[in-house]
Amino acid sequence: MQQVKLFKSVDTELPEMEKQINRWMRKSGARILSIDSNMTAQGGTKDGPLNSFAAGDVLLIVLYEIDTPAS
């Protein structure tokens, strides 16, 4: 059965997000089918400069497969 898992963080915390994802993959035993991501810049407006200290959002989408439970 295919399932989706979402992970959300900010770009300043990527190492912790990576640890969280790897931990989940080990514990779940999921067979990963695909991983997609999206990063958005934060801060500033189109009329002003971007704030180089503002963190951007990171969304990671994992499509995985698990065995269906026996009935």
Protein backbone atom coordinates (compact mmCIF):
# COMPACT_ATOMS: atom_id res chain seq x y z
CA MET A 1 0.00 0.00 0.00
CA GLN A 2 1.37 3.43 -0.94
CA GLN A 3 1.47 6.15 1.68
CA VAL A 4 2.68 9.77 1.91
CA LYS A 5 4.75 11.25 4.73
CA LEU A 6 5.37 15.00 5.03
CA PHE A 7 8.29 16.61 6.83
CA LYS A 8 8.38 20.37 7.42
CA SER A 9 11.19 22.49 8.79
CA VAL A 10 13.20 25.61 8.03
CA ASP A 11 16.44 25.76 6.09
CA THR A 12 18.45 26.71 9.17
CA GLU A 13 17.51 23.36 10.76
CA LEU A 14 18.28 20.98 7.88
CA PRO A 15 20.69 18.72 9.82
CA GLU A 16 17.99 18.02 12.44
CA MET A 17 15.41 17.41 9.72
CA GLU A 18 17.78 14.96 8.03
CA LYS A 19 18.22 13.06 11.32
CA GLN A 20 14.44 12.96 11.82
CA ILE A 21 13.86 11.60 8.30
CA ASN A 22 16.60 8.97 8.57
CA ARG A 23 15.28 7.86 11.98
CA TRP A 24 11.76 7.52 10.58
CA MET A 25 13.00 5.53 7.56
CA ARG A 26 14.91 3.08 9.79
CA LYS A 27 12.03 2.58 12.26
CA SER A 28 9.20 2.38 9.71
CA GLY A 29 10.82 -0.16 7.38
CA ALA A 30 9.19 1.71 4.51
CA ARG A 31 10.28 1.17 0.93
CA ILE A 32 10.87 4.69 -0.36
CA LEU A 33 9.44 5.24 -3.84
CA SER A 34 10.23 8.92 -4.27
CA ILE A 35 11.23 12.03 -2.36
CA ASP A 36 10.32 15.54 -3.50
CA SER A 37 11.00 18.84 -1.80
CA ASN A 38 10.18 22.49 -1.93
CA MET A 39 12.04 25.40 -0.35
CA THR A 40 10.62 28.91 -0.04
CA ALA A 41 12.55 32.06 0.65
CA GLN A 42 11.35 34.16 3.56
CA GLY A 43 11.60 37.82 4.43
CA GLY A 44 11.49 40.95 2.35
CA THR A 45 8.97 42.00 -0.25
CA LYS A 46 9.21 42.62 -3.97
CA ASP A 47 9.75 46.30 -3.11
CA GLY A 48 12.51 45.69 -0.56
CA PRO A 49 15.62 43.60 -0.11
CA LEU A 50 15.44 40.08 1.28
CA ASN A 51 16.52 39.64 4.86
CA SER A 52 19.50 37.28 4.62
CA PHE A 53 18.89 36.13 8.20
CA ALA A 54 15.28 34.99 7.70
CA ALA A 55 14.84 31.22 7.50
CA GLY A 56 13.05 29.68 4.52
CA ASP A 57 10.46 26.91 4.82
CA VAL A 58 11.39 23.41 3.69
CA LEU A 59 8.76 20.81 2.82
CA LEU A 60 9.80 17.26 2.03
CA ILE A 61 7.28 14.79 0.62
CA VAL A 62 8.08 11.08 0.84
CA LEU A 63 6.08 8.58 -1.18
CA TYR A 64 6.61 5.15 0.31
CA GLU A 65 5.19 1.68 0.31
CA ILE A 66 4.39 -0.60 3.22
CA ASP A 67 2.92 -4.07 3.36
CA THR A 68 -0.79 -4.12 4.07
CA PRO A 69 -1.55 -5.63 7.48
CA ALA A 70 -2.80 -9.21 7.43
CA SER A 71 -6.50 -9.48 8.34
